[in-house]
Amino acid sequence: MKNEINEISHFEIPAKDPERLRKFYTDVFGWKFKNSAALNMQYWNISTGTKHLPGVNGGMYKKGSENQTVLNYISTPDLDKSMAEVERAGGHITVGKKIVPGHGCTAIGTDPEGNPIGLFESKNRGFLREKGKQSQSGAHRIKSSHRNNMTKDSR
């Protein structure tokens, strides 16, 4: 995984009062929220960028317990391999591989100090973002074989 682009591709914010946090992030940062009403849960998709300056998108959900914290998902071309590397390096996988219909697969774990980390493998496996383009949550991607043919300055 060390030779791949493993960027933060999605984040999730748990909220005791989703309306209050929606207003906060909208007022302070201009983020846009859309209620997804997916899977019988309270979940809002968050768009952090603009048409001309894409950002990393995320989500907000109704907090189910006090222990839930913000979670950043890191993109990986091979979820199984990354899960094994997390364990090998002293972290732990706490929620195994789960399919996210239409998007890919995720897993959740902790680093060696107990900080939560999410892992995300896009269903468009093998595609990575172009410089200056949005990340996993909506990126225009190029196949890694094409990326390898690019000059250092064009990557």
C-alpha atoms as a PDB file:
ATOM      1  CA  MET A   1       0.000   0.000   0.000  1.00  0.00           C
ATOM      2  CA  LYS A   2       2.998   2.334   0.406  1.00  0.00           C
ATOM      3  CA  ASN A   3       3.242   2.998  -3.352  1.00  0.00           C
ATOM      4  CA  GLU A   4      -0.439   3.793  -3.779  1.00  0.00           C
ATOM      5  CA  ILE A   5      -2.348   7.006  -3.073  1.00  0.00           C
ATOM      6  CA  ASN A   6      -4.075   6.377   0.251  1.00  0.00           C
ATOM      7  CA  GLU A   7      -5.871   9.643   0.846  1.00  0.00           C
ATOM      8  CA  ILE A   8      -8.776  10.519   3.090  1.00  0.00           C
ATOM      9  CA  SER A   9     -11.728   9.965   0.785  1.00  0.00           C
ATOM     10  CA  HIS A  10     -14.752  10.336   3.084  1.00  0.00           C
ATOM     11  CA  PHE A  11     -15.554  11.371   6.639  1.00  0.00           C
ATOM     12  CA  GLU A  12     -18.477  10.827   8.982  1.00  0.00           C
ATOM     13  CA  ILE A  13     -19.643  13.037  11.827  1.00  0.00           C
ATOM     14  CA  PRO A  14     -21.930  11.644  14.551  1.00  0.00           C
ATOM     15  CA  ALA A  15     -24.392  14.233  15.907  1.00  0.00           C
ATOM     16  CA  LYS A  16     -26.514  14.410  19.048  1.00  0.00           C
ATOM     17  CA  ASP A  17     -28.453  17.261  17.414  1.00  0.00           C
ATOM     18  CA  PRO A  18     -28.080  16.896  13.619  1.00  0.00           C
ATOM     19  CA  GLU A  19     -29.976  20.097  12.853  1.00  0.00           C
ATOM     20  CA  ARG A  20     -27.705  22.155  15.113  1.00  0.00           C
ATOM     21  CA  LEU A  21     -24.535  20.650  13.560  1.00  0.00           C
ATOM     22  CA  ARG A  22     -25.921  21.023  10.031  1.00  0.00           C
ATOM     23  CA  LYS A  23     -26.496  24.723  10.707  1.00  0.00           C
ATOM     24  CA  PHE A  24     -23.036  25.094  12.289  1.00  0.00           C
ATOM     25  CA  TYR A  25     -21.113  23.534   9.361  1.00  0.00           C
ATOM     26  CA  THR A  26     -23.267  25.384   6.817  1.00  0.00           C
ATOM     27  CA  ASP A  27     -22.823  28.767   8.536  1.00  0.00           C
ATOM     28  CA  VAL A  28     -19.102  28.374   9.254  1.00  0.00           C
ATOM     29  CA  PHE A  29     -17.842  26.519   6.163  1.00  0.00           C
ATOM     30  CA  GLY A  30     -20.657  26.705   3.610  1.00  0.00           C
ATOM     31  CA  TRP A  31     -21.033  22.913   3.454  1.00  0.00           C
ATOM     32  CA  LYS A  32     -24.174  21.574   1.779  1.00  0.00           C
ATOM     33  CA  PHE A  33     -26.278  18.813   3.363  1.00  0.00           C
ATOM     34  CA  LYS A  34     -28.724  16.446   1.701  1.00  0.00           C
ATOM     35  CA  ASN A  35     -30.885  14.075   3.723  1.00  0.00           C
ATOM     36  CA  SER A  36     -30.337  10.622   2.259  1.00  0.00           C
ATOM     37  CA  ALA A  37     -32.900   8.756   4.379  1.00  0.00           C
ATOM     38  CA  ALA A  38     -30.980   5.615   3.453  1.00  0.00           C
ATOM     39  CA  LEU A  39     -31.268   2.280   5.186  1.00  0.00           C
ATOM     40  CA  ASN A  40     -33.871   3.503   7.709  1.00  0.00           C
ATOM     41  CA  MET A  41     -31.357   5.693   9.486  1.00  0.00           C
ATOM     42  CA  GLN A  42     -30.924   9.426   9.828  1.00  0.00           C
ATOM     43  CA  TYR A  43     -28.040  10.187   7.472  1.00  0.00           C
ATOM     44  CA  TRP A  44     -27.097  13.361   5.613  1.00  0.00           C
ATOM     45  CA  ASN A  45     -24.612  13.473   2.737  1.00  0.00           C
ATOM     46  CA  ILE A  46     -22.203  16.400   3.040  1.00  0.00           C
ATOM     47  CA  SER A  47     -20.698  18.263   0.099  1.00  0.00           C
ATOM     48  CA  THR A  48     -17.698  20.341   1.157  1.00  0.00           C
ATOM     49  CA  GLY A  49     -16.551  21.644  -2.206  1.00  0.00           C
ATOM     50  CA  THR A  50     -17.840  23.782  -5.038  1.00  0.00           C
ATOM     51  CA  LYS A  51     -18.249  23.259  -8.755  1.00  0.00           C
ATOM     52  CA  HIS A  52     -14.778  24.701  -9.346  1.00  0.00           C
ATOM     53  CA  LEU A  53     -12.995  23.537  -6.208  1.00  0.00           C
ATOM     54  CA  PRO A  54     -13.983  19.980  -5.183  1.00  0.00           C
ATOM     55  CA  GLY A  55     -13.581  18.867  -1.596  1.00  0.00           C
ATOM     56  CA  VAL A  56     -13.663  15.631   0.348  1.00  0.00           C
ATOM     57  CA  ASN A  57     -17.308  14.722   0.872  1.00  0.00           C
ATOM     58  CA  GLY A  58     -18.711  13.065   3.928  1.00  0.00           C
ATOM     59  CA  GLY A  59     -21.763  12.272   5.933  1.00  0.00           C
ATOM     60  CA  MET A  60     -23.451  13.036   9.223  1.00  0.00           C
ATOM     61  CA  TYR A  61     -25.655  10.678  11.179  1.00  0.00           C
ATOM     62  CA  LYS A  62     -27.687  10.676  14.372  1.00  0.00           C
ATOM     63  CA  LYS A  63     -25.336   9.631  17.165  1.00  0.00           C
ATOM     64  CA  GLY A  64     -26.290   6.275  18.686  1.00  0.00           C
ATOM     65  CA  SER A  65     -23.870   6.329  21.643  1.00  0.00           C
ATOM     66  CA  GLU A  66     -21.527   8.715  23.440  1.00  0.00           C
ATOM     67  CA  ASN A  67     -18.520   6.701  22.240  1.00  0.00           C
ATOM     68  CA  GLN A  68     -19.013   7.557  18.566  1.00  0.00           C
ATOM     69  CA  THR A  69     -16.455  10.009  17.169  1.00  0.00           C
ATOM     70  CA  VAL A  70     -15.611  11.552  13.804  1.00  0.00           C
ATOM     71  CA  LEU A  71     -14.303   8.875  11.448  1.00  0.00           C
ATOM     72  CA  ASN A  72     -12.051   9.460   8.434  1.00  0.00           C
ATOM     73  CA  TYR A  73     -12.072   6.846   5.672  1.00  0.00           C
ATOM     74  CA  ILE A  74      -8.797   6.257   3.854  1.00  0.00           C
ATOM     75  CA  SER A  75      -8.952   4.998   0.278  1.00  0.00           C
ATOM     76  CA  THR A  76      -7.202   1.772  -0.624  1.00  0.00           C
ATOM     77  CA  PRO A  77      -7.039  -0.242  -3.844  1.00  0.00           C
ATOM     78  CA  ASP A  78      -7.170  -3.533  -1.882  1.00  0.00           C
ATOM     79  CA  LEU A  79      -9.266  -3.567   1.294  1.00  0.00           C
ATOM     80  CA  ASP A  80      -8.283  -7.097   2.347  1.00  0.00           C
ATOM     81  CA  LYS A  81      -4.588  -6.297   2.055  1.00  0.00           C
ATOM     82  CA  SER A  82      -4.995  -3.032   3.981  1.00  0.00           C
ATOM     83  CA  MET A  83      -6.938  -4.781   6.749  1.00  0.00           C
ATOM     84  CA  ALA A  84      -4.088  -7.287   7.107  1.00  0.00           C
ATOM     85  CA  GLU A  85      -1.508  -4.476   7.148  1.00  0.00           C
ATOM     86  CA  VAL A  86      -3.417  -2.613   9.888  1.00  0.00           C
ATOM     87  CA  GLU A  87      -3.312  -5.742  12.074  1.00  0.00           C
ATOM     88  CA  ARG A  88       0.335  -6.483  11.225  1.00  0.00           C
ATOM     89  CA  ALA A  89       1.366  -2.939  12.157  1.00  0.00           C
ATOM     90  CA  GLY A  90      -0.262  -3.083  15.614  1.00  0.00           C
ATOM     91  CA  GLY A  91      -3.732  -1.745  14.838  1.00  0.00           C
ATOM     92  CA  HIS A  92      -6.992  -3.687  15.051  1.00  0.00           C
ATOM     93  CA  ILE A  93      -9.912  -4.215  12.716  1.00  0.00           C
ATOM     94  CA  THR A  94     -13.082  -3.707  14.744  1.00  0.00           C
ATOM     95  CA  VAL A  95     -15.706  -3.919  11.986  1.00  0.00           C
ATOM     96  CA  GLY A  96     -14.865  -6.272   9.134  1.00  0.00           C
ATOM     97  CA  LYS A  97     -15.474  -5.826   5.440  1.00  0.00           C
ATOM     98  CA  LYS A  98     -18.943  -4.515   4.570  1.00  0.00           C
ATOM     99  CA  ILE A  99     -20.387  -3.760   1.151  1.00  0.00           C
ATOM    100  CA  VAL A 100     -21.705  -0.243   0.535  1.00  0.00           C
ATOM    101  CA  PRO A 101     -24.079  -0.748  -2.424  1.00  0.00           C
ATOM    102  CA  GLY A 102     -23.090   1.309  -5.442  1.00  0.00           C
ATOM    103  CA  HIS A 103     -19.873   2.567  -3.858  1.00  0.00           C
ATOM    104  CA  GLY A 104     -17.546  -0.244  -2.760  1.00  0.00           C
ATOM    105  CA  CYS A 105     -16.518  -1.829   0.547  1.00  0.00           C
ATOM    106  CA  THR A 106     -15.506  -0.500   3.944  1.00  0.00           C
ATOM    107  CA  ALA A 107     -13.918  -1.718   7.156  1.00  0.00           C
ATOM    108  CA  ILE A 108     -13.283   0.081  10.431  1.00  0.00           C
ATOM    109  CA  GLY A 109     -10.374  -0.292  12.784  1.00  0.00           C
ATOM    110  CA  THR A 110      -8.077   1.487  15.168  1.00  0.00           C
ATOM    111  CA  ASP A 111      -4.460   2.542  14.980  1.00  0.00           C
ATOM    112  CA  PRO A 112      -2.029   1.295  17.674  1.00  0.00           C
ATOM    113  CA  GLU A 113      -3.147   4.124  20.026  1.00  0.00           C
ATOM    114  CA  GLY A 114      -6.843   3.351  19.646  1.00  0.00           C
ATOM    115  CA  ASN A 115      -7.743   6.175  17.233  1.00  0.00           C
ATOM    116  CA  PRO A 116     -10.513   5.118  14.838  1.00  0.00           C
ATOM    117  CA  ILE A 117      -9.745   4.740  11.123  1.00  0.00           C
ATOM    118  CA  GLY A 118     -11.986   3.714   8.273  1.00  0.00           C
ATOM    119  CA  LEU A 119     -10.821   1.941   5.146  1.00  0.00           C
ATOM    120  CA  PHE A 120     -12.597   2.301   1.797  1.00  0.00           C
ATOM    121  CA  GLU A 121     -12.162   0.367  -1.449  1.00  0.00           C
ATOM    122  CA  SER A 122     -14.025   1.931  -4.353  1.00  0.00           C
ATOM    123  CA  LYS A 123     -16.022  -0.294  -6.675  1.00  0.00           C
ATOM    124  CA  ASN A 124     -13.948   1.435  -9.374  1.00  0.00           C
ATOM    125  CA  ARG A 125     -10.913  -0.441  -8.041  1.00  0.00           C
ATOM    126  CA  GLY A 126      -7.671   0.392  -9.780  1.00  0.00           C
ATOM    127  CA  PHE A 127      -8.609   4.007 -10.428  1.00  0.00           C
ATOM    128  CA  LEU A 128      -6.884   6.857  -8.644  1.00  0.00           C
ATOM    129  CA  ARG A 129      -7.478  10.571  -8.696  1.00  0.00           C
ATOM    130  CA  GLU A 130      -5.820  13.027 -11.019  1.00  0.00           C
ATOM    131  CA  LYS A 131      -3.921  15.912  -9.490  1.00  0.00           C
ATOM    132  CA  GLY A 132      -6.320  18.740  -8.699  1.00  0.00           C
ATOM    133  CA  LYS A 133      -9.439  16.575  -8.891  1.00  0.00           C
ATOM    134  CA  GLN A 134     -11.822  15.454  -6.171  1.00  0.00           C
ATOM    135  CA  SER A 135     -11.090  12.370  -4.104  1.00  0.00           C
ATOM    136  CA  GLN A 136     -12.839   8.973  -3.951  1.00  0.00           C
ATOM    137  CA  SER A 137     -16.260  10.449  -3.280  1.00  0.00           C
ATOM    138  CA  GLY A 138     -16.634  11.619  -6.856  1.00  0.00           C
ATOM    139  CA  ALA A 139     -13.242  11.831  -8.474  1.00  0.00           C
ATOM    140  CA  HIS A 140     -12.420  11.769 -12.122  1.00  0.00           C
ATOM    141  CA  ARG A 141      -9.909   8.949 -12.088  1.00  0.00           C
ATOM    142  CA  ILE A 142      -7.269   7.553 -14.354  1.00  0.00           C
ATOM    143  CA  LYS A 143      -6.197   3.931 -14.488  1.00  0.00           C
ATOM    144  CA  SER A 144      -2.966   3.330 -12.634  1.00  0.00           C
ATOM    145  CA  SER A 145      -1.377   2.012 -15.851  1.00  0.00           C
ATOM    146  CA  HIS A 146      -1.963   5.456 -17.409  1.00  0.00           C
ATOM    147  CA  ARG A 147      -0.761   7.221 -14.251  1.00  0.00           C
ATOM    148  CA  ASN A 148       2.520   5.275 -14.423  1.00  0.00           C
ATOM    149  CA  ASN A 149       3.130   6.671 -17.929  1.00  0.00           C
ATOM    150  CA  MET A 150       2.793  10.274 -16.742  1.00  0.00           C
ATOM    151  CA  THR A 151       5.827  12.415 -16.122  1.00  0.00           C
ATOM    152  CA  LYS A 152       6.668  13.286 -12.539  1.00  0.00           C
ATOM    153  CA  ASP A 153       5.440  16.869 -13.037  1.00  0.00           C
ATOM    154  CA  SER A 154       2.064  15.821 -14.450  1.00  0.00           C
ATOM    155  CA  ARG A 155       1.153  13.467 -11.579  1.00  0.00           C
END
